[in-house]
Amino acid sequence: MTPLSTTLLAFSMSTDAFAAAIGKGAAVDHPRFREALRTGLIFGVIEGLTPLIGWALGQSAHEYISRWDHWIVFVLLSVLGVRMIRAGLETPEPDEDAPAAKPGCQAWWLIAATAVITSLDALTVGIGLAFMDVNILLTALAIGAATTLMATLGVMLGRRLGVMIGQRAEVLGGVILIGIGTAILTEHLGLW
């Protein structure tokens, strides 16, 4: 993968964390930068570890499916991309039962649970990366760093912008994933 592909992949993997962090920022009463950074670090560490786990799983199956690896990467990234686009296009329903007062911060375990849920796509991407010639440590580090940055920004933006911008970012992330999967497939088939 080229440095540009790695950067695009890293930021597309961070869009769901960005969207979730915007929601967290909107739910917390005037989050400070320290709270935003703590949230960003939790998201970033978990999002950076999951592609490593996925890569290890993919490596164990590589010899059995190496003839179709480019198709597997294409399908995995496309399915994830479509899922992200669909999630980004859904209109959030207002929660009428939500309390009027917002908490000052959220518990770390609640943030970590959200981070695990949003990082499942990075686990799947890690499986796909096992079939490519990539430096998985560098790629995982890039994904973790991009997620830390985007989740930190998401919390700070969330208190002002609400969840709508997070949904648009998730749509963009989905489109980028589909584009990367298509580029990998066309390159392997010799079409590009």
N, C-alpha and C. Protein backbone atom coordinates (compact mmCIF):
# COMPACT_ATOMS: atom_id res chain seq x y z
N MET A 1 0.84 -1.18 0.00
CA MET A 1 0.00 0.00 0.00
C MET A 1 0.88 1.23 0.00
N THR A 2 0.44 2.23 -0.70
CA THR A 2 1.17 3.49 -0.75
C THR A 2 0.88 4.29 0.52
N PRO A 3 1.71 5.29 0.82
CA PRO A 3 1.43 6.14 1.98
C PRO A 3 0.06 6.83 1.88
N LEU A 4 -0.33 7.21 0.66
CA LEU A 4 -1.64 7.84 0.48
C LEU A 4 -2.76 6.85 0.80
N SER A 5 -2.64 5.60 0.32
CA SER A 5 -3.65 4.58 0.61
C SER A 5 -3.74 4.31 2.11
N THR A 6 -2.60 4.25 2.76
CA THR A 6 -2.58 4.02 4.21
C THR A 6 -3.26 5.17 4.94
N THR A 7 -2.98 6.40 4.52
CA THR A 7 -3.60 7.57 5.16
C THR A 7 -5.10 7.57 4.93
N LEU A 8 -5.53 7.31 3.70
CA LEU A 8 -6.97 7.26 3.41
C LEU A 8 -7.65 6.15 4.20
N LEU A 9 -7.02 5.00 4.26
CA LEU A 9 -7.57 3.89 5.04
C LEU A 9 -7.68 4.28 6.51
N ALA A 10 -6.64 4.88 7.05
CA ALA A 10 -6.63 5.26 8.46
C ALA A 10 -7.76 6.24 8.77
N PHE A 11 -7.93 7.24 7.94
CA PHE A 11 -8.98 8.22 8.22
C PHE A 11 -10.37 7.67 7.93
N SER A 12 -10.51 6.77 6.96
CA SER A 12 -11.82 6.17 6.73
C SER A 12 -12.20 5.25 7.88
N MET A 13 -11.21 4.58 8.48
CA MET A 13 -11.48 3.74 9.65
C MET A 13 -11.88 4.58 10.87
N SER A 14 -11.46 5.83 10.88
CA SER A 14 -11.74 6.69 12.05
C SER A 14 -13.09 7.38 11.97
N THR A 15 -13.79 7.29 10.84
CA THR A 15 -15.03 8.05 10.70
C THR A 15 -16.14 7.57 11.62
N ASP A 16 -16.24 6.26 11.86
CA ASP A 16 -17.28 5.81 12.77
C ASP A 16 -16.97 6.23 14.20
N ALA A 17 -15.70 6.22 14.58
CA ALA A 17 -15.30 6.72 15.90
C ALA A 17 -15.57 8.23 15.99
N PHE A 18 -15.31 8.95 14.90
CA PHE A 18 -15.59 10.38 14.84
C PHE A 18 -17.08 10.64 15.07
N ALA A 19 -17.92 9.87 14.37
CA ALA A 19 -19.37 10.04 14.52
C ALA A 19 -19.81 9.73 15.96
N ALA A 20 -19.28 8.65 16.53
CA ALA A 20 -19.63 8.30 17.90
C ALA A 20 -19.13 9.37 18.88
N ALA A 21 -17.94 9.91 18.62
CA ALA A 21 -17.38 10.94 19.51
C ALA A 21 -18.19 12.23 19.43
N ILE A 22 -18.71 12.55 18.26
CA ILE A 22 -19.59 13.72 18.15
C ILE A 22 -20.82 13.52 19.02
N GLY A 23 -21.38 12.31 18.97
CA GLY A 23 -22.52 12.00 19.83
C GLY A 23 -22.17 12.12 21.30
N LYS A 24 -20.97 11.66 21.66
CA LYS A 24 -20.52 11.77 23.05
C LYS A 24 -20.34 13.23 23.44
N GLY A 25 -19.77 14.03 22.54
CA GLY A 25 -19.59 15.45 22.82
C GLY A 25 -20.91 16.18 22.95
N ALA A 26 -21.90 15.76 22.16
CA ALA A 26 -23.23 16.38 22.24
C ALA A 26 -23.94 15.97 23.53
N ALA A 27 -23.60 14.79 24.06
CA ALA A 27 -24.27 14.27 25.26
C ALA A 27 -23.66 14.77 26.56
N VAL A 28 -22.44 15.31 26.50
CA VAL A 28 -21.74 15.76 27.70
C VAL A 28 -21.86 17.28 27.80
N ASP A 29 -22.00 17.77 29.02
CA ASP A 29 -22.12 19.20 29.25
C ASP A 29 -20.77 19.89 29.11
N HIS A 30 -20.58 20.61 28.02
CA HIS A 30 -19.38 21.38 27.73
C HIS A 30 -18.09 20.60 28.03
N PRO A 31 -17.81 19.57 27.23
CA PRO A 31 -16.59 18.79 27.48
C PRO A 31 -15.34 19.65 27.30
N ARG A 32 -14.39 19.46 28.17
CA ARG A 32 -13.11 20.16 28.09
C ARG A 32 -12.16 19.35 27.21
N PHE A 33 -11.06 19.97 26.82
CA PHE A 33 -10.11 19.30 25.94
C PHE A 33 -9.55 18.03 26.59
N ARG A 34 -9.33 18.08 27.89
CA ARG A 34 -8.79 16.90 28.59
C ARG A 34 -9.74 15.71 28.44
N GLU A 35 -11.04 15.94 28.59
CA GLU A 35 -12.04 14.88 28.42
C GLU A 35 -12.05 14.40 26.97
N ALA A 36 -11.96 15.32 26.03
CA ALA A 36 -11.94 14.96 24.61
C ALA A 36 -10.71 14.13 24.28
N LEU A 37 -9.56 14.50 24.81
CA LEU A 37 -8.33 13.76 24.56
C LEU A 37 -8.39 12.36 25.18
N ARG A 38 -8.93 12.26 26.38
CA ARG A 38 -9.09 10.94 27.02
C ARG A 38 -9.97 10.04 26.15
N THR A 39 -11.06 10.58 25.65
CA THR A 39 -11.95 9.82 24.77
C THR A 39 -11.22 9.43 23.50
N GLY A 40 -10.49 10.38 22.91
CA GLY A 40 -9.74 10.10 21.68
C GLY A 40 -8.70 9.01 21.87
N LEU A 41 -8.00 9.03 22.99
CA LEU A 41 -6.98 8.01 23.25
C LEU A 41 -7.59 6.62 23.44
N ILE A 42 -8.71 6.55 24.14
CA ILE A 42 -9.37 5.26 24.31
C ILE A 42 -9.80 4.71 22.96
N PHE A 43 -10.45 5.54 22.15
CA PHE A 43 -10.85 5.11 20.82
C PHE A 43 -9.63 4.73 19.97
N GLY A 44 -8.58 5.54 20.01
CA GLY A 44 -7.41 5.31 19.17
C GLY A 44 -6.67 4.03 19.50
N VAL A 45 -6.49 3.75 20.80
CA VAL A 45 -5.79 2.53 21.19
C VAL A 45 -6.57 1.30 20.76
N ILE A 46 -7.86 1.30 21.01
CA ILE A 46 -8.66 0.13 20.64
C ILE A 46 -8.74 -0.01 19.12
N GLU A 47 -8.93 1.08 18.42
CA GLU A 47 -9.01 1.03 16.95
C GLU A 47 -7.67 0.64 16.34
N GLY A 48 -6.57 0.95 17.00
CA GLY A 48 -5.25 0.56 16.50
C GLY A 48 -4.92 -0.90 16.77
N LEU A 49 -5.48 -1.48 17.83
CA LEU A 49 -5.22 -2.88 18.16
C LEU A 49 -6.05 -3.86 17.31
N THR A 50 -7.26 -3.48 16.96
CA THR A 50 -8.13 -4.43 16.27
C THR A 50 -7.64 -4.84 14.88
N PRO A 51 -7.00 -3.97 14.08
CA PRO A 51 -6.48 -4.47 12.81
C PRO A 51 -5.36 -5.49 13.01
N LEU A 52 -4.60 -5.35 14.10
CA LEU A 52 -3.55 -6.33 14.39
C LEU A 52 -4.14 -7.71 14.68
N ILE A 53 -5.23 -7.71 15.44
CA ILE A 53 -5.91 -8.98 15.73
C ILE A 53 -6.47 -9.58 14.44
N GLY A 54 -7.12 -8.75 13.63
CA GLY A 54 -7.66 -9.21 12.35
C GLY A 54 -6.57 -9.73 11.43
N TRP A 55 -5.45 -9.02 11.38
CA TRP A 55 -4.32 -9.42 10.53
C TRP A 55 -3.81 -10.79 10.95
N ALA A 56 -3.69 -11.02 12.27
CA ALA A 56 -3.22 -12.31 12.77
C ALA A 56 -4.19 -13.42 12.38
N LEU A 57 -5.48 -13.15 12.47
CA LEU A 57 -6.48 -14.14 12.04
C LEU A 57 -6.36 -14.41 10.54
N GLY A 58 -6.20 -13.35 9.75
CA GLY A 58 -6.07 -13.50 8.30
C GLY A 58 -4.82 -14.25 7.90
N GLN A 59 -3.72 -14.01 8.61
CA GLN A 59 -2.47 -14.70 8.31
C GLN A 59 -2.60 -16.21 8.50
N SER A 60 -3.37 -16.61 9.51
CA SER A 60 -3.53 -18.04 9.76
C SER A 60 -4.33 -18.73 8.65
N ALA A 61 -5.13 -18.00 7.91
CA ALA A 61 -5.93 -18.58 6.84
C ALA A 61 -5.37 -18.28 5.45
N HIS A 62 -4.28 -17.53 5.38
CA HIS A 62 -3.77 -17.03 4.10
C HIS A 62 -3.46 -18.14 3.10
N GLU A 63 -2.81 -19.19 3.52
CA GLU A 63 -2.41 -20.23 2.57
C GLU A 63 -3.60 -20.94 1.94
N TYR A 64 -4.74 -20.93 2.62
CA TYR A 64 -5.92 -21.62 2.11
C TYR A 64 -6.71 -20.80 1.09
N ILE A 65 -6.59 -19.49 1.17
CA ILE A 65 -7.42 -18.66 0.30
C ILE A 65 -6.63 -17.63 -0.50
N SER A 66 -5.35 -17.85 -0.70
CA SER A 66 -4.52 -16.85 -1.39
C SER A 66 -4.93 -16.62 -2.83
N ARG A 67 -5.59 -17.58 -3.48
CA ARG A 67 -6.01 -17.40 -4.86
C ARG A 67 -7.14 -16.38 -4.99
N TRP A 68 -7.90 -16.18 -3.92
CA TRP A 68 -9.05 -15.27 -3.96
C TRP A 68 -8.88 -14.07 -3.04
N ASP A 69 -7.67 -13.85 -2.55
CA ASP A 69 -7.46 -12.81 -1.55
C ASP A 69 -7.91 -11.42 -2.01
N HIS A 70 -7.65 -11.06 -3.27
CA HIS A 70 -8.04 -9.73 -3.76
C HIS A 70 -9.55 -9.58 -3.80
N TRP A 71 -10.25 -10.66 -4.10
CA TRP A 71 -11.72 -10.62 -4.09
C TRP A 71 -12.24 -10.50 -2.66
N ILE A 72 -11.58 -11.18 -1.73
CA ILE A 72 -11.99 -11.11 -0.32
C ILE A 72 -11.82 -9.69 0.21
N VAL A 73 -10.67 -9.08 -0.09
CA VAL A 73 -10.44 -7.70 0.35
C VAL A 73 -11.48 -6.77 -0.26
N PHE A 74 -11.75 -6.93 -1.56
CA PHE A 74 -12.74 -6.10 -2.25
C PHE A 74 -14.12 -6.25 -1.61
N VAL A 75 -14.54 -7.48 -1.37
CA VAL A 75 -15.87 -7.72 -0.79
C VAL A 75 -15.94 -7.18 0.64
N LEU A 76 -14.92 -7.46 1.46
CA LEU A 76 -14.94 -6.97 2.84
C LEU A 76 -15.01 -5.45 2.90
N LEU A 77 -14.15 -4.78 2.13
CA LEU A 77 -14.15 -3.31 2.16
C LEU A 77 -15.45 -2.75 1.58
N SER A 78 -15.98 -3.38 0.54
CA SER A 78 -17.22 -2.89 -0.05
C SER A 78 -18.40 -3.07 0.89
N VAL A 79 -18.48 -4.23 1.55
CA VAL A 79 -19.57 -4.45 2.50
C VAL A 79 -19.48 -3.46 3.65
N LEU A 80 -18.28 -3.26 4.18
CA LEU A 80 -18.11 -2.29 5.25
C LEU A 80 -18.45 -0.88 4.78
N GLY A 81 -18.02 -0.55 3.56
CA GLY A 81 -18.32 0.76 3.01
C GLY A 81 -19.81 1.00 2.86
N VAL A 82 -20.51 0.01 2.34
CA VAL A 82 -21.97 0.14 2.17
C VAL A 82 -22.64 0.26 3.54
N ARG A 83 -22.17 -0.53 4.52
CA ARG A 83 -22.74 -0.45 5.87
C ARG A 83 -22.55 0.94 6.45
N MET A 84 -21.36 1.50 6.25
CA MET A 84 -21.08 2.84 6.77
C MET A 84 -21.93 3.89 6.07
N ILE A 85 -22.10 3.75 4.76
CA ILE A 85 -22.93 4.70 4.01
C ILE A 85 -24.38 4.62 4.50
N ARG A 86 -24.89 3.41 4.64
CA ARG A 86 -26.27 3.24 5.13
C ARG A 86 -26.43 3.84 6.51
N ALA A 87 -25.48 3.57 7.41
CA ALA A 87 -25.56 4.13 8.77
C ALA A 87 -25.50 5.65 8.74
N GLY A 88 -24.70 6.18 7.84
CA GLY A 88 -24.58 7.64 7.74
C GLY A 88 -25.81 8.31 7.15
N LEU A 89 -26.58 7.56 6.37
CA LEU A 89 -27.78 8.12 5.75
C LEU A 89 -29.03 7.97 6.60
N GLU A 90 -28.95 7.15 7.65
CA GLU A 90 -30.09 7.00 8.54
C GLU A 90 -30.30 8.27 9.34
N THR A 91 -31.54 8.64 9.52
CA THR A 91 -31.88 9.82 10.29
C THR A 91 -32.04 9.42 11.75
N PRO A 92 -31.26 10.03 12.64
CA PRO A 92 -31.40 9.67 14.05
C PRO A 92 -32.75 10.14 14.59
N GLU A 93 -33.36 9.28 15.38
CA GLU A 93 -34.64 9.64 15.99
C GLU A 93 -34.37 10.35 17.30
N PRO A 94 -35.07 11.46 17.54
CA PRO A 94 -34.85 12.16 18.80
C PRO A 94 -35.30 11.31 19.98
N ASP A 95 -34.52 11.36 21.04
CA ASP A 95 -34.81 10.59 22.24
C ASP A 95 -35.61 11.46 23.19
N GLU A 96 -36.92 11.20 23.22
CA GLU A 96 -37.80 12.03 24.05
C GLU A 96 -37.66 11.71 25.53
N ASP A 97 -37.13 10.52 25.84
CA ASP A 97 -36.97 10.13 27.24
C ASP A 97 -35.64 10.58 27.83
N ALA A 98 -34.82 11.25 27.02
CA ALA A 98 -33.50 11.67 27.49
C ALA A 98 -33.64 12.73 28.58
N PRO A 99 -32.83 12.62 29.61
CA PRO A 99 -32.89 13.63 30.67
C PRO A 99 -32.40 14.98 30.17
N ALA A 100 -32.92 16.04 30.77
CA ALA A 100 -32.56 17.39 30.34
C ALA A 100 -31.12 17.74 30.71
N ALA A 101 -30.65 17.28 31.86
CA ALA A 101 -29.31 17.61 32.30
C ALA A 101 -28.29 16.66 31.66
N LYS A 102 -27.17 17.20 31.24
CA LYS A 102 -26.10 16.41 30.64
C LYS A 102 -25.01 16.16 31.67
N PRO A 103 -24.40 14.96 31.63
CA PRO A 103 -23.31 14.70 32.57
C PRO A 103 -22.07 15.51 32.22
N GLY A 104 -21.18 15.68 33.20
CA GLY A 104 -19.94 16.42 32.98
C GLY A 104 -18.91 15.62 32.19
N CYS A 105 -18.93 14.29 32.34
CA CYS A 105 -18.05 13.41 31.58
C CYS A 105 -18.65 12.01 31.59
N GLN A 106 -18.11 11.12 30.77
CA GLN A 106 -18.61 9.76 30.71
C GLN A 106 -17.57 8.80 31.28
N ALA A 107 -18.06 7.69 31.82
CA ALA A 107 -17.18 6.69 32.39
C ALA A 107 -16.29 6.09 31.30
N TRP A 108 -15.04 5.77 31.67
CA TRP A 108 -14.10 5.24 30.69
C TRP A 108 -14.59 3.91 30.11
N TRP A 109 -15.25 3.08 30.91
CA TRP A 109 -15.70 1.78 30.42
C TRP A 109 -16.81 1.94 29.37
N LEU A 110 -17.63 2.98 29.50
CA LEU A 110 -18.67 3.24 28.51
C LEU A 110 -18.03 3.71 27.19
N ILE A 111 -17.01 4.54 27.31
CA ILE A 111 -16.27 4.98 26.12
C ILE A 111 -15.57 3.79 25.48
N ALA A 112 -14.94 2.93 26.30
CA ALA A 112 -14.24 1.76 25.77
C ALA A 112 -15.20 0.80 25.08
N ALA A 113 -16.38 0.60 25.65
CA ALA A 113 -17.37 -0.28 25.02
C ALA A 113 -17.80 0.27 23.67
N THR A 114 -18.00 1.57 23.59
CA THR A 114 -18.34 2.20 22.31
C THR A 114 -17.20 2.04 21.33
N ALA A 115 -15.97 2.20 21.80
CA ALA A 115 -14.80 2.08 20.94
C ALA A 115 -14.66 0.66 20.39
N VAL A 116 -14.93 -0.34 21.21
CA VAL A 116 -14.86 -1.73 20.74
C VAL A 116 -15.90 -1.95 19.64
N ILE A 117 -17.10 -1.46 19.85
CA ILE A 117 -18.15 -1.64 18.85
C ILE A 117 -17.78 -0.95 17.54
N THR A 118 -17.27 0.27 17.62
CA THR A 118 -16.92 0.99 16.39
C THR A 118 -15.65 0.47 15.73
N SER A 119 -14.88 -0.37 16.44
CA SER A 119 -13.62 -0.86 15.86
C SER A 119 -13.77 -2.23 15.21
N LEU A 120 -14.95 -2.80 15.21
CA LEU A 120 -15.14 -4.11 14.58
C LEU A 120 -14.84 -4.06 13.09
N ASP A 121 -15.10 -2.93 12.45
CA ASP A 121 -14.76 -2.82 11.04
C ASP A 121 -13.25 -2.83 10.84
N ALA A 122 -12.50 -2.28 11.78
CA ALA A 122 -11.03 -2.32 11.67
C ALA A 122 -10.51 -3.74 11.83
N LEU A 123 -11.20 -4.56 12.61
CA LEU A 123 -10.85 -5.97 12.73
C LEU A 123 -11.01 -6.66 11.38
N THR A 124 -12.10 -6.38 10.72
CA THR A 124 -12.36 -6.96 9.40
C THR A 124 -11.34 -6.47 8.37
N VAL A 125 -11.02 -5.19 8.42
CA VAL A 125 -10.00 -4.65 7.51
C VAL A 125 -8.66 -5.31 7.79
N GLY A 126 -8.35 -5.56 9.05
CA GLY A 126 -7.11 -6.25 9.40
C GLY A 126 -7.04 -7.63 8.77
N ILE A 127 -8.16 -8.34 8.74
CA ILE A 127 -8.21 -9.64 8.07
C ILE A 127 -7.87 -9.47 6.60
N GLY A 128 -8.47 -8.47 5.97
CA GLY A 128 -8.18 -8.20 4.56
C GLY A 128 -6.73 -7.81 4.31
N LEU A 129 -6.15 -7.06 5.23
CA LEU A 129 -4.76 -6.61 5.08
C LEU A 129 -3.77 -7.78 5.16
N ALA A 130 -4.19 -8.88 5.76
CA ALA A 130 -3.31 -10.05 5.85
C ALA A 130 -3.01 -10.62 4.46
N PHE A 131 -3.82 -10.31 3.48
CA PHE A 131 -3.64 -10.84 2.14
C PHE A 131 -2.91 -9.86 1.23
N MET A 132 -2.43 -8.77 1.80
CA MET A 132 -1.74 -7.75 1.03
C MET A 132 -0.32 -7.58 1.57
N ASP A 133 0.51 -6.97 0.76
CA ASP A 133 1.87 -6.67 1.18
C ASP A 133 1.88 -5.31 1.88
N VAL A 134 1.61 -5.34 3.20
CA VAL A 134 1.57 -4.11 3.99
C VAL A 134 2.39 -4.27 5.25
N ASN A 135 2.86 -3.16 5.76
CA ASN A 135 3.48 -3.14 7.07
C ASN A 135 2.34 -2.95 8.07
N ILE A 136 1.88 -4.04 8.68
CA ILE A 136 0.69 -3.99 9.53
C ILE A 136 0.90 -3.11 10.76
N LEU A 137 2.12 -3.08 11.30
CA LEU A 137 2.36 -2.24 12.47
C LEU A 137 2.22 -0.76 12.13
N LEU A 138 2.78 -0.36 11.01
CA LEU A 138 2.65 1.03 10.56
C LEU A 138 1.20 1.38 10.24
N THR A 139 0.52 0.45 9.58
CA THR A 139 -0.88 0.69 9.23
C THR A 139 -1.75 0.79 10.48
N ALA A 140 -1.55 -0.11 11.43
CA ALA A 140 -2.31 -0.08 12.68
C ALA A 140 -2.01 1.20 13.47
N LEU A 141 -0.75 1.61 13.47
CA LEU A 141 -0.38 2.86 14.14
C LEU A 141 -1.06 4.06 13.47
N ALA A 142 -1.10 4.05 12.14
CA ALA A 142 -1.77 5.14 11.41
C ALA A 142 -3.26 5.16 11.73
N ILE A 143 -3.89 3.99 11.78
CA ILE A 143 -5.32 3.92 12.11
C ILE A 143 -5.56 4.42 13.53
N GLY A 144 -4.72 3.99 14.47
CA GLY A 144 -4.86 4.45 15.86
C GLY A 144 -4.66 5.95 16.01
N ALA A 145 -3.65 6.48 15.32
CA ALA A 145 -3.38 7.93 15.41
C ALA A 145 -4.50 8.74 14.78
N ALA A 146 -4.97 8.30 13.61
CA ALA A 146 -6.07 9.02 12.94
C ALA A 146 -7.33 8.98 13.80
N THR A 147 -7.58 7.83 14.41
CA THR A 147 -8.77 7.71 15.26
C THR A 147 -8.66 8.57 16.50
N THR A 148 -7.48 8.62 17.12
CA THR A 148 -7.28 9.48 18.28
C THR A 148 -7.57 10.93 17.92
N LEU A 149 -7.00 11.37 16.81
CA LEU A 149 -7.22 12.74 16.36
C LEU A 149 -8.69 13.01 16.07
N MET A 150 -9.32 12.13 15.29
CA MET A 150 -10.70 12.36 14.87
C MET A 150 -11.68 12.25 16.04
N ALA A 151 -11.46 11.31 16.96
CA ALA A 151 -12.36 11.19 18.11
C ALA A 151 -12.22 12.38 19.05
N THR A 152 -11.00 12.87 19.22
CA THR A 152 -10.79 14.06 20.06
C THR A 152 -11.50 15.26 19.44
N LEU A 153 -11.31 15.45 18.14
CA LEU A 153 -12.02 16.53 17.45
C LEU A 153 -13.53 16.34 17.50
N GLY A 154 -13.96 15.08 17.37
CA GLY A 154 -15.39 14.78 17.40
C GLY A 154 -16.06 15.20 18.69
N VAL A 155 -15.42 14.94 19.81
CA VAL A 155 -15.99 15.33 21.10
C VAL A 155 -16.11 16.85 21.17
N MET A 156 -15.05 17.53 20.76
CA MET A 156 -15.07 19.00 20.84
C MET A 156 -16.11 19.60 19.88
N LEU A 157 -16.23 19.01 18.70
CA LEU A 157 -17.23 19.50 17.74
C LEU A 157 -18.64 19.13 18.14
N GLY A 158 -18.79 17.98 18.81
CA GLY A 158 -20.10 17.48 19.17
C GLY A 158 -20.91 18.42 20.04
N ARG A 159 -20.24 19.15 20.88
CA ARG A 159 -20.98 20.06 21.75
C ARG A 159 -21.57 21.23 20.98
N ARG A 160 -21.07 21.46 19.78
CA ARG A 160 -21.59 22.58 18.97
C ARG A 160 -22.41 22.15 17.77
N LEU A 161 -21.98 21.08 17.13
CA LEU A 161 -22.57 20.72 15.84
C LEU A 161 -23.62 19.62 15.90
N GLY A 162 -23.60 18.82 16.94
CA GLY A 162 -24.54 17.72 17.01
C GLY A 162 -24.12 16.54 16.15
N VAL A 163 -25.02 15.59 15.97
CA VAL A 163 -24.67 14.33 15.32
C VAL A 163 -24.71 14.37 13.80
N MET A 164 -25.30 15.37 13.19
CA MET A 164 -25.48 15.38 11.73
C MET A 164 -24.15 15.35 10.97
N ILE A 165 -23.15 16.10 11.43
CA ILE A 165 -21.86 16.09 10.73
C ILE A 165 -21.18 14.73 10.85
N GLY A 166 -21.39 14.04 11.97
CA GLY A 166 -20.82 12.71 12.14
C GLY A 166 -21.37 11.72 11.12
N GLN A 167 -22.64 11.84 10.81
CA GLN A 167 -23.25 10.96 9.82
C GLN A 167 -22.65 11.22 8.44
N ARG A 168 -22.44 12.46 8.09
CA ARG A 168 -21.84 12.77 6.79
C ARG A 168 -20.42 12.23 6.69
N ALA A 169 -19.67 12.29 7.78
CA ALA A 169 -18.31 11.75 7.80
C ALA A 169 -18.34 10.24 7.60
N GLU A 170 -19.33 9.57 8.17
CA GLU A 170 -19.42 8.12 8.01
C GLU A 170 -19.73 7.75 6.56
N VAL A 171 -20.56 8.53 5.88
CA VAL A 171 -20.83 8.29 4.46
C VAL A 171 -19.54 8.43 3.65
N LEU A 172 -18.78 9.49 3.91
CA LEU A 172 -17.51 9.70 3.21
C LEU A 172 -16.54 8.54 3.47
N GLY A 173 -16.45 8.10 4.71
CA GLY A 173 -15.59 6.97 5.05
C GLY A 173 -15.99 5.71 4.29
N GLY A 174 -17.28 5.47 4.16
CA GLY A 174 -17.76 4.31 3.41
C GLY A 174 -17.39 4.38 1.94
N VAL A 175 -17.54 5.55 1.35
CA VAL A 175 -17.17 5.73 -0.06
C VAL A 175 -15.67 5.49 -0.25
N ILE A 176 -14.86 5.97 0.67
CA ILE A 176 -13.41 5.78 0.58
C ILE A 176 -13.06 4.29 0.67
N LEU A 177 -13.69 3.55 1.60
CA LEU A 177 -13.42 2.12 1.72
C LEU A 177 -13.77 1.38 0.43
N ILE A 178 -14.90 1.69 -0.16
CA ILE A 178 -15.29 1.05 -1.43
C ILE A 178 -14.26 1.39 -2.51
N GLY A 179 -13.81 2.63 -2.54
CA GLY A 179 -12.80 3.04 -3.52
C GLY A 179 -11.49 2.30 -3.34
N ILE A 180 -11.05 2.12 -2.10
CA ILE A 180 -9.80 1.39 -1.85
C ILE A 180 -9.95 -0.07 -2.27
N GLY A 181 -11.08 -0.69 -1.93
CA GLY A 181 -11.33 -2.07 -2.33
C GLY A 181 -11.35 -2.24 -3.84
N THR A 182 -11.96 -1.30 -4.53
CA THR A 182 -12.02 -1.34 -5.99
C THR A 182 -10.63 -1.17 -6.59
N ALA A 183 -9.84 -0.26 -6.03
CA ALA A 183 -8.47 -0.05 -6.53
C ALA A 183 -7.62 -1.30 -6.35
N ILE A 184 -7.76 -1.97 -5.21
CA ILE A 184 -6.99 -3.20 -4.96
C ILE A 184 -7.38 -4.27 -5.97
N LEU A 185 -8.68 -4.42 -6.21
CA LEU A 185 -9.16 -5.44 -7.15
C LEU A 185 -8.69 -5.16 -8.57
N THR A 186 -8.86 -3.91 -9.02
CA THR A 186 -8.47 -3.58 -10.39
C THR A 186 -6.96 -3.69 -10.60
N GLU A 187 -6.20 -3.34 -9.56
CA GLU A 187 -4.75 -3.47 -9.66
C GLU A 187 -4.34 -4.94 -9.76
N HIS A 188 -4.96 -5.80 -8.95
CA HIS A 188 -4.62 -7.21 -8.96
C HIS A 188 -5.05 -7.89 -10.27
N LEU A 189 -6.15 -7.45 -10.84
CA LEU A 189 -6.63 -8.02 -12.10
C LEU A 189 -5.91 -7.42 -13.31
N GLY A 190 -5.04 -6.45 -13.07
CA GLY A 190 -4.29 -5.84 -14.15
C GLY A 190 -5.08 -4.83 -14.96
N LEU A 191 -6.16 -4.33 -14.40
CA LEU A 191 -6.99 -3.34 -15.10
C LEU A 191 -6.54 -1.91 -14.85
N TRP A 192 -5.61 -1.76 -13.93
CA TRP A 192 -5.17 -0.39 -13.60
C TRP A 192 -3.69 -0.31 -13.55
